[in-house]
Amino acid sequence: MKHILPPLPYSYDALEPHIDERTMEIHYTKHHQAYVDKLNQALEKYPDLGAWPLEELLRSTESVPETIRSAVRNHGGGHFNHSLFWPSMAPSGKGGGREAQGVLGGVITKAFGSFASFREKFTSTALGVFGSGWAWLVVNAAGTLEIISTPNQDSPVSSGLKPILGLDIWEHAYYLKYQNRRAEHIEAWWNIVNWEEVGKRYGA
C-alpha cells in the first residue's frame, strides 16, 4: 500500500492574505509530495512495512531496519506532520481564527491559565525553534496538554505524544511572503487556526 498525498481541504488561495497562494501551492505540491515520494521509495524493499499505518511506523522507528530508519523518520515525519497541518487551518470567517471554545477551550485555560497565556507560550516556543522545525500542542501520556517543539520533520508521535495542533516553522512555509520575518508568519497564522478540527482531535 503506497502512501499518498491527502487532498487539500481548501483552494491554494483560501488562506490569503495570511498564507499566500504561491507558497501554499509550492508547499503542498512540491514539499509535501516529496516527503510522500521519498517515504514510498524507502519502503519499496520492505513491503511488510509498506502496509503499516504511518502513525504506527513513526511510533515504532526502532523496529524499522537501520538502512531506512532515517528516511522513515524524516520523510514519514514530514508526511505525517503536513497531513495534520493542512486541516489545522481554515479560511478566516469560515472557521479559522476563533479562540478555542467548548471542552478544548476549558482544558487550555486549565493547563495554561488563559487562552492568551497559551497563545503567548506557543508563540514563544515557535519563535525559539532554531533553524527548521515545528511548534506543537500535544496531549501527553497523562492526558494533559503540553507545548513542545521538534527539529526538522521529527514528529511528536515518535515520542509517544498525541499532536493536536502543529505550526510549520520551516522557511519554505513562509519565506515568499514574510522572508526572514518569522514572527509575522506566526502572528498571521493565528488568524486561520481551525479550532473545531483541533477540538475534534482532542476529543478523539
Protein backbone atom coordinates (compact mmCIF):
# COMPACT_ATOMS: atom_id res chain seq x y z
CA MET A 1 0.00 0.00 0.00
CA LYS A 2 1.59 3.25 -1.11
CA HIS A 3 1.29 6.40 0.91
CA ILE A 4 -0.49 9.20 -0.94
CA LEU A 5 -0.79 12.96 -0.72
CA PRO A 6 -4.06 13.74 1.11
CA PRO A 7 -6.48 16.18 -0.54
CA LEU A 8 -6.01 19.81 0.45
CA PRO A 9 -9.23 20.86 2.24
CA TYR A 10 -9.37 24.27 0.51
CA SER A 11 -8.04 26.07 -2.56
CA TYR A 12 -4.46 27.37 -2.71
CA ASP A 13 -5.64 30.96 -2.26
CA ALA A 14 -8.16 30.25 0.51
CA LEU A 15 -5.88 31.33 3.35
CA GLU A 16 -4.95 34.69 1.81
CA PRO A 17 -3.70 37.11 2.96
CA HIS A 18 -2.20 35.15 5.85
CA ILE A 19 -0.64 32.44 3.68
CA ASP A 20 -0.20 33.42 0.05
CA GLU A 21 -1.40 31.30 -2.84
CA ARG A 22 2.04 30.60 -4.34
CA THR A 23 3.53 29.49 -1.03
CA MET A 24 0.59 27.17 -0.43
CA GLU A 25 0.87 25.62 -3.89
CA ILE A 26 4.63 25.01 -3.65
CA HIS A 27 4.45 23.83 -0.06
CA TYR A 28 1.73 21.29 -0.82
CA THR A 29 2.60 20.07 -4.33
CA LYS A 30 6.39 20.14 -4.04
CA HIS A 31 7.48 19.79 -0.42
CA HIS A 32 4.73 17.53 0.93
CA GLN A 33 4.66 15.47 -2.25
CA ALA A 34 8.42 14.95 -1.97
CA TYR A 35 8.05 13.54 1.55
CA VAL A 36 5.42 11.09 0.29
CA ASP A 37 7.50 10.03 -2.70
CA LYS A 38 10.70 9.53 -0.71
CA LEU A 39 8.89 7.61 2.03
CA ASN A 40 7.42 5.24 -0.57
CA GLN A 41 10.84 4.86 -2.16
CA ALA A 42 12.41 3.96 1.20
CA LEU A 43 9.74 1.32 1.86
CA GLU A 44 9.93 -0.36 -1.56
CA LYS A 45 12.30 -3.09 -0.35
CA TYR A 46 10.20 -3.75 2.75
CA PRO A 47 6.64 -4.49 1.57
CA ASP A 48 5.55 -5.61 5.05
CA LEU A 49 6.41 -2.17 6.44
CA GLY A 50 4.68 -0.56 3.49
CA ALA A 51 1.40 -1.95 4.82
CA TRP A 52 1.85 -0.33 8.24
CA PRO A 53 -0.19 2.81 9.01
CA LEU A 54 2.05 5.86 9.00
CA GLU A 55 1.49 6.66 12.67
CA GLU A 56 2.46 3.12 13.66
CA LEU A 57 5.66 3.40 11.61
CA LEU A 58 6.61 6.60 13.41
CA ARG A 59 5.82 5.14 16.82
CA SER A 60 7.98 2.11 16.08
CA THR A 61 11.04 3.56 14.37
CA GLU A 62 13.34 1.32 16.42
CA SER A 63 11.71 -1.66 14.69
CA VAL A 64 12.45 -0.22 11.25
CA PRO A 65 15.62 -1.51 9.54
CA GLU A 66 18.53 0.80 10.21
CA THR A 67 19.12 1.28 6.47
CA ILE A 68 15.84 3.19 6.12
CA ARG A 69 15.26 4.42 9.68
CA SER A 70 16.38 7.98 8.97
CA ALA A 71 14.28 8.13 5.80
CA VAL A 72 11.19 6.94 7.66
CA ARG A 73 11.77 9.43 10.47
CA ASN A 74 12.43 12.35 8.09
CA HIS A 75 10.08 11.68 5.19
CA GLY A 76 7.45 9.78 7.15
CA GLY A 77 7.51 12.53 9.74
CA GLY A 78 7.22 15.17 7.04
CA HIS A 79 4.23 13.38 5.53
CA PHE A 80 2.51 12.93 8.91
CA ASN A 81 3.22 16.47 10.11
CA HIS A 82 1.89 18.11 6.95
CA SER A 83 -1.16 15.82 6.82
CA LEU A 84 -2.06 17.17 10.26
CA PHE A 85 -1.05 20.74 9.39
CA TRP A 86 -3.36 21.40 6.41
CA PRO A 87 -6.70 20.68 8.11
CA SER A 88 -5.50 22.54 11.21
CA MET A 89 -6.19 25.72 9.23
CA ALA A 90 -9.34 27.21 7.72
CA PRO A 91 -10.14 30.50 5.95
CA SER A 92 -10.91 33.45 8.20
CA GLY A 93 -14.66 33.74 8.58
CA LYS A 94 -15.15 30.05 7.71
CA GLY A 95 -13.99 28.54 10.96
CA GLY A 96 -10.45 29.87 11.06
CA GLY A 97 -9.10 32.15 13.73
CA ARG A 98 -11.65 31.83 16.50
CA GLU A 99 -10.43 31.28 20.03
CA ALA A 100 -10.76 27.68 21.19
CA GLN A 101 -14.22 27.03 22.64
CA GLY A 102 -16.03 24.25 24.48
CA VAL A 103 -14.15 21.40 26.10
CA LEU A 104 -10.85 22.24 24.44
CA GLY A 105 -11.10 25.90 25.43
CA GLY A 106 -11.66 24.89 29.04
CA VAL A 107 -8.75 22.43 29.01
CA ILE A 108 -6.41 25.05 27.50
CA THR A 109 -7.43 27.55 30.19
CA LYS A 110 -6.86 24.96 32.91
CA ALA A 111 -3.45 23.97 31.54
CA PHE A 112 -2.07 27.45 30.79
CA GLY A 113 -4.12 29.86 32.91
CA SER A 114 -5.90 31.53 29.99
CA PHE A 115 -6.10 31.32 26.22
CA ALA A 116 -3.94 34.45 25.99
CA SER A 117 -1.24 32.78 28.11
CA PHE A 118 -1.40 29.67 25.92
CA ARG A 119 -1.05 31.75 22.77
CA GLU A 120 1.89 33.66 24.22
CA LYS A 121 3.71 30.46 25.23
CA PHE A 122 3.03 28.75 21.91
CA THR A 123 4.28 31.79 20.01
CA SER A 124 7.41 31.95 22.16
CA THR A 125 8.08 28.26 21.51
CA ALA A 126 7.65 28.73 17.76
CA LEU A 127 9.97 31.74 17.73
CA GLY A 128 12.53 29.75 19.70
CA VAL A 129 12.86 26.95 17.15
CA PHE A 130 16.45 27.04 15.91
CA GLY A 131 16.58 26.55 12.16
CA SER A 132 13.83 24.32 10.79
CA GLY A 133 11.19 22.56 12.84
CA TRP A 134 7.71 22.66 14.32
CA ALA A 135 5.84 24.01 17.34
CA TRP A 136 3.17 21.70 18.76
CA LEU A 137 0.27 21.45 21.14
CA VAL A 138 0.23 17.82 22.26
CA VAL A 139 -1.54 15.52 24.69
CA ASN A 140 0.95 13.60 26.83
CA ALA A 141 0.66 10.14 28.37
CA ALA A 142 -1.02 11.62 31.44
CA GLY A 143 -3.72 13.16 29.24
CA THR A 144 -2.65 16.75 29.84
CA LEU A 145 -1.68 19.40 27.31
CA GLU A 146 1.90 20.44 26.61
CA ILE A 147 3.57 22.85 24.20
CA ILE A 148 6.73 21.44 22.64
CA SER A 149 8.94 21.93 19.60
CA THR A 150 10.61 19.35 17.37
CA PRO A 151 13.54 19.80 14.99
CA ASN A 152 13.35 19.18 11.25
CA GLN A 153 10.46 16.78 10.48
CA ASP A 154 10.59 14.83 13.74
CA SER A 155 7.05 14.01 14.84
CA PRO A 156 5.70 14.01 18.41
CA VAL A 157 4.17 10.57 17.85
CA SER A 158 7.68 9.10 17.84
CA SER A 159 7.93 10.22 21.47
CA GLY A 160 4.59 8.75 22.47
CA LEU A 161 2.74 12.06 22.31
CA LYS A 162 -0.51 12.89 20.52
CA PRO A 163 -0.21 16.10 18.47
CA ILE A 164 -3.45 18.05 18.06
CA LEU A 165 -2.04 21.30 16.61
CA GLY A 166 1.22 21.99 14.80
CA LEU A 167 2.85 25.02 13.19
CA ASP A 168 5.42 24.58 10.46
CA ILE A 169 8.47 26.78 11.13
CA TRP A 170 10.48 25.71 8.08
CA GLU A 171 11.34 28.75 5.95
CA HIS A 172 9.61 27.20 2.93
CA ALA A 173 6.33 27.64 4.82
CA TYR A 174 6.56 31.43 4.84
CA TYR A 175 9.64 32.81 3.06
CA LEU A 176 7.98 34.00 -0.17
CA LYS A 177 5.67 36.32 1.76
CA TYR A 178 7.49 37.05 5.01
CA GLN A 179 11.16 36.46 4.12
CA ASN A 180 13.04 36.29 7.45
CA ARG A 181 10.13 37.76 9.46
CA ARG A 182 9.11 34.57 11.26
CA ALA A 183 7.23 36.50 13.93
CA GLU A 184 4.88 37.95 11.29
CA HIS A 185 4.24 34.48 9.89
CA ILE A 186 3.30 33.18 13.34
CA GLU A 187 1.09 36.18 14.12
CA ALA A 188 -0.75 35.78 10.79
CA TRP A 189 -1.23 32.05 11.37
CA TRP A 190 -3.32 32.65 14.49
CA ASN A 191 -5.99 34.15 12.19
CA ILE A 192 -6.56 30.83 10.41
CA VAL A 193 -6.26 28.14 13.11
CA ASN A 194 -9.15 25.70 12.73
CA TRP A 195 -10.12 25.23 16.36
CA GLU A 196 -13.05 22.99 15.50
CA GLU A 197 -10.66 20.47 13.93
CA VAL A 198 -8.21 20.75 16.83
CA GLY A 199 -11.06 20.18 19.27
CA LYS A 200 -12.10 17.03 17.43
CA ARG A 201 -8.57 15.66 17.72
CA TYR A 202 -8.53 16.36 21.42
CA GLY A 203 -11.90 14.68 21.85
CA ALA A 204 -10.69 11.60 19.98
